[in-house]
Each structure stands twice: as C-alpha cells, then as structure tokens.
Amino acid sequence: MAIRDAFDAARRQLQDYARKQRNKVKRHEPPLHGRISKLVPLEDFGKIESSDGKEIYFHRNSVVDADFDSLAIGNDVRYVEEAGDEGPQASTVYIIGKHHIVD
C-alpha cells in the first residue's frame, strides 16, 4: 500500500509538471473590488468607484448578504461587473468586512 501511494503521488506530481509545461494551469482572477462612492436611497441605486477609478452602477437588489439601507459611502465592496444599457454595472455586490483581505 505504501508503494502504491508513493507511485500515485509521483504520478500526480508529473501530471502537474506537464500541465505547467503546456501552460494548462487554471488561473483564478481575483474578485473586482472598490468603494461605494454614491448612494441614492430614494431611487434604489448607488455607485462604486473601482480600484482603477471607473464608476460602476449598482441597484438595491444587487446587494448580497447585507441591507442596502445599512450601506455607507466609503464601504469596501467586491462585485461582479457586467455591461448594462448605460455602461458598466454590478450585478452582485458583497460588502467586505474589516477582517477580509482584498488581493
């Protein structure tokens, strides 16, 4: 059993090495992040300033795991961006807590 496990481990290492050589390694993109720069509660939307300076629209219904009414300007957020009718918009917005690290 020990010999079989050793050969299985060696096979996995060789497969990993071969994938690296062929550039077939999966790369995970870090989530987009920014800060809330504008809130318009009466019209149920806000804006996010992305890390590269773009303004991203988001609707009240896009906020996940938080209440839109508890948001404040300056809150750090992660979001999923998509093309909207009038420019980029966030389809999903997550509030980043003070203990979360952003890559």
C-alpha atoms as a PDB file:
ATOM      1  CA  MET A   1       0.000   0.000   0.000  1.00  0.00           C
ATOM      2  CA  ALA A   2       2.856   2.418   0.796  1.00  0.00           C
ATOM      3  CA  ILE A   3       4.489   1.739  -2.590  1.00  0.00           C
ATOM      4  CA  ARG A   4       1.172   2.296  -4.406  1.00  0.00           C
ATOM      5  CA  ASP A   5       0.628   5.603  -2.564  1.00  0.00           C
ATOM      6  CA  ALA A   6       4.182   6.707  -3.417  1.00  0.00           C
ATOM      7  CA  PHE A   7       3.641   5.967  -7.121  1.00  0.00           C
ATOM      8  CA  ASP A   8       0.262   7.771  -7.058  1.00  0.00           C
ATOM      9  CA  ALA A   9       1.921  10.835  -5.529  1.00  0.00           C
ATOM     10  CA  ALA A  10       4.736  10.712  -8.117  1.00  0.00           C
ATOM     11  CA  ARG A  11       2.180  10.417 -10.960  1.00  0.00           C
ATOM     12  CA  ARG A  12       0.270  13.483  -9.674  1.00  0.00           C
ATOM     13  CA  GLN A  13       3.495  15.468  -9.451  1.00  0.00           C
ATOM     14  CA  LEU A  14       4.420  14.521 -13.027  1.00  0.00           C
ATOM     15  CA  GLN A  15       0.937  15.439 -14.269  1.00  0.00           C
ATOM     16  CA  ASP A  16       1.158  18.819 -12.505  1.00  0.00           C
ATOM     17  CA  TYR A  17       4.586  19.434 -14.019  1.00  0.00           C
ATOM     18  CA  ALA A  18       3.326  18.504 -17.517  1.00  0.00           C
ATOM     19  CA  ARG A  19       0.337  20.900 -17.152  1.00  0.00           C
ATOM     20  CA  LYS A  20       2.713  23.704 -16.181  1.00  0.00           C
ATOM     21  CA  GLN A  21       4.899  22.972 -19.199  1.00  0.00           C
ATOM     22  CA  ARG A  22       1.844  23.115 -21.522  1.00  0.00           C
ATOM     23  CA  ASN A  23       0.508  26.271 -19.799  1.00  0.00           C
ATOM     24  CA  LYS A  24      -2.696  24.422 -18.907  1.00  0.00           C
ATOM     25  CA  VAL A  25      -2.750  25.653 -15.305  1.00  0.00           C
ATOM     26  CA  LYS A  26      -6.004  27.227 -14.134  1.00  0.00           C
ATOM     27  CA  ARG A  27      -5.656  30.805 -13.041  1.00  0.00           C
ATOM     28  CA  HIS A  28      -8.222  32.346 -10.729  1.00  0.00           C
ATOM     29  CA  GLU A  29      -8.870  36.023 -11.274  1.00  0.00           C
ATOM     30  CA  PRO A  30      -9.144  37.992  -8.056  1.00  0.00           C
ATOM     31  CA  PRO A  31     -12.624  39.423  -7.476  1.00  0.00           C
ATOM     32  CA  LEU A  32     -13.193  43.017  -8.544  1.00  0.00           C
ATOM     33  CA  HIS A  33     -13.269  45.444  -5.641  1.00  0.00           C
ATOM     34  CA  GLY A  34     -13.866  49.103  -4.936  1.00  0.00           C
ATOM     35  CA  ARG A  35     -15.598  51.552  -2.600  1.00  0.00           C
ATOM     36  CA  ILE A  36     -19.117  52.887  -2.524  1.00  0.00           C
ATOM     37  CA  SER A  37     -18.856  56.453  -3.811  1.00  0.00           C
ATOM     38  CA  LYS A  38     -22.515  57.443  -4.098  1.00  0.00           C
ATOM     39  CA  LEU A  39     -25.823  56.292  -2.613  1.00  0.00           C
ATOM     40  CA  VAL A  40     -29.288  57.406  -3.749  1.00  0.00           C
ATOM     41  CA  PRO A  41     -31.712  55.537  -1.435  1.00  0.00           C
ATOM     42  CA  LEU A  42     -34.815  57.258  -2.802  1.00  0.00           C
ATOM     43  CA  GLU A  43     -34.054  55.858  -6.265  1.00  0.00           C
ATOM     44  CA  ASP A  44     -32.683  52.490  -5.016  1.00  0.00           C
ATOM     45  CA  PHE A  45     -29.197  52.711  -6.540  1.00  0.00           C
ATOM     46  CA  GLY A  46     -25.622  53.585  -5.806  1.00  0.00           C
ATOM     47  CA  LYS A  47     -22.231  53.844  -7.473  1.00  0.00           C
ATOM     48  CA  ILE A  48     -18.988  52.024  -6.798  1.00  0.00           C
ATOM     49  CA  GLU A  49     -15.606  53.548  -7.541  1.00  0.00           C
ATOM     50  CA  SER A  50     -13.495  50.650  -8.783  1.00  0.00           C
ATOM     51  CA  SER A  51      -9.842  50.202  -7.890  1.00  0.00           C
ATOM     52  CA  ASP A  52      -8.916  51.566 -11.336  1.00  0.00           C
ATOM     53  CA  GLY A  53     -11.128  54.667 -10.966  1.00  0.00           C
ATOM     54  CA  LYS A  54     -14.203  53.623 -13.001  1.00  0.00           C
ATOM     55  CA  GLU A  55     -17.707  54.314 -11.696  1.00  0.00           C
ATOM     56  CA  ILE A  56     -19.920  51.233 -11.581  1.00  0.00           C
ATOM     57  CA  TYR A  57     -23.706  51.484 -11.122  1.00  0.00           C
ATOM     58  CA  PHE A  58     -25.473  49.042  -8.765  1.00  0.00           C
ATOM     59  CA  HIS A  59     -29.128  48.588  -7.805  1.00  0.00           C
ATOM     60  CA  ARG A  60     -30.549  47.850  -4.358  1.00  0.00           C
ATOM     61  CA  ASN A  61     -31.351  44.290  -5.479  1.00  0.00           C
ATOM     62  CA  SER A  62     -27.679  43.638  -6.339  1.00  0.00           C
ATOM     63  CA  VAL A  63     -26.546  43.792  -2.706  1.00  0.00           C
ATOM     64  CA  VAL A  64     -25.970  40.308  -1.264  1.00  0.00           C
ATOM     65  CA  ASP A  65     -25.761  39.397   2.445  1.00  0.00           C
ATOM     66  CA  ALA A  66     -26.363  42.994   3.557  1.00  0.00           C
ATOM     67  CA  ASP A  67     -29.152  45.558   3.681  1.00  0.00           C
ATOM     68  CA  PHE A  68     -28.991  48.380   1.119  1.00  0.00           C
ATOM     69  CA  ASP A  69     -30.173  50.856   3.752  1.00  0.00           C
ATOM     70  CA  SER A  70     -27.218  50.000   6.018  1.00  0.00           C
ATOM     71  CA  LEU A  71     -24.613  50.849   3.340  1.00  0.00           C
ATOM     72  CA  ALA A  72     -22.455  53.926   3.706  1.00  0.00           C
ATOM     73  CA  ILE A  73     -20.229  55.877   1.384  1.00  0.00           C
ATOM     74  CA  GLY A  74     -16.709  54.524   1.716  1.00  0.00           C
ATOM     75  CA  ASN A  75     -17.714  50.893   2.391  1.00  0.00           C
ATOM     76  CA  ASP A  76     -15.348  48.462   0.678  1.00  0.00           C
ATOM     77  CA  VAL A  77     -17.100  46.033  -1.660  1.00  0.00           C
ATOM     78  CA  ARG A  78     -16.448  43.129  -4.016  1.00  0.00           C
ATOM     79  CA  TYR A  79     -18.634  42.946  -7.106  1.00  0.00           C
ATOM     80  CA  VAL A  80     -19.371  41.142 -10.353  1.00  0.00           C
ATOM     81  CA  GLU A  81     -19.366  43.542 -13.296  1.00  0.00           C
ATOM     82  CA  GLU A  82     -21.455  43.241 -16.435  1.00  0.00           C
ATOM     83  CA  ALA A  83     -22.357  45.506 -19.322  1.00  0.00           C
ATOM     84  CA  GLY A  84     -25.538  47.495 -18.738  1.00  0.00           C
ATOM     85  CA  ASP A  85     -27.626  49.642 -21.072  1.00  0.00           C
ATOM     86  CA  GLU A  86     -25.850  52.805 -19.936  1.00  0.00           C
ATOM     87  CA  GLY A  87     -22.391  51.477 -19.078  1.00  0.00           C
ATOM     88  CA  PRO A  88     -20.872  49.053 -16.593  1.00  0.00           C
ATOM     89  CA  GLN A  89     -22.994  47.843 -13.712  1.00  0.00           C
ATOM     90  CA  ALA A  90     -22.526  45.490 -10.790  1.00  0.00           C
ATOM     91  CA  SER A  91     -24.866  42.523 -10.874  1.00  0.00           C
ATOM     92  CA  THR A  92     -23.748  41.294  -7.451  1.00  0.00           C
ATOM     93  CA  VAL A  93     -22.287  43.396  -4.629  1.00  0.00           C
ATOM     94  CA  TYR A  94     -20.739  41.993  -1.442  1.00  0.00           C
ATOM     95  CA  ILE A  95     -19.706  44.181   1.474  1.00  0.00           C
ATOM     96  CA  ILE A  96     -16.126  43.489   2.579  1.00  0.00           C
ATOM     97  CA  GLY A  97     -15.809  43.354   6.335  1.00  0.00           C
ATOM     98  CA  LYS A  98     -12.867  44.917   8.122  1.00  0.00           C
ATOM     99  CA  HIS A  99     -11.229  41.494   8.582  1.00  0.00           C
ATOM    100  CA  HIS A 100     -11.318  40.475   4.911  1.00  0.00           C
ATOM    101  CA  ILE A 101      -8.203  40.838   2.806  1.00  0.00           C
ATOM    102  CA  VAL A 102      -8.533  42.094  -0.762  1.00  0.00           C
ATOM    103  CA  ASP A 103      -5.939  40.805  -3.249  1.00  0.00           C
END
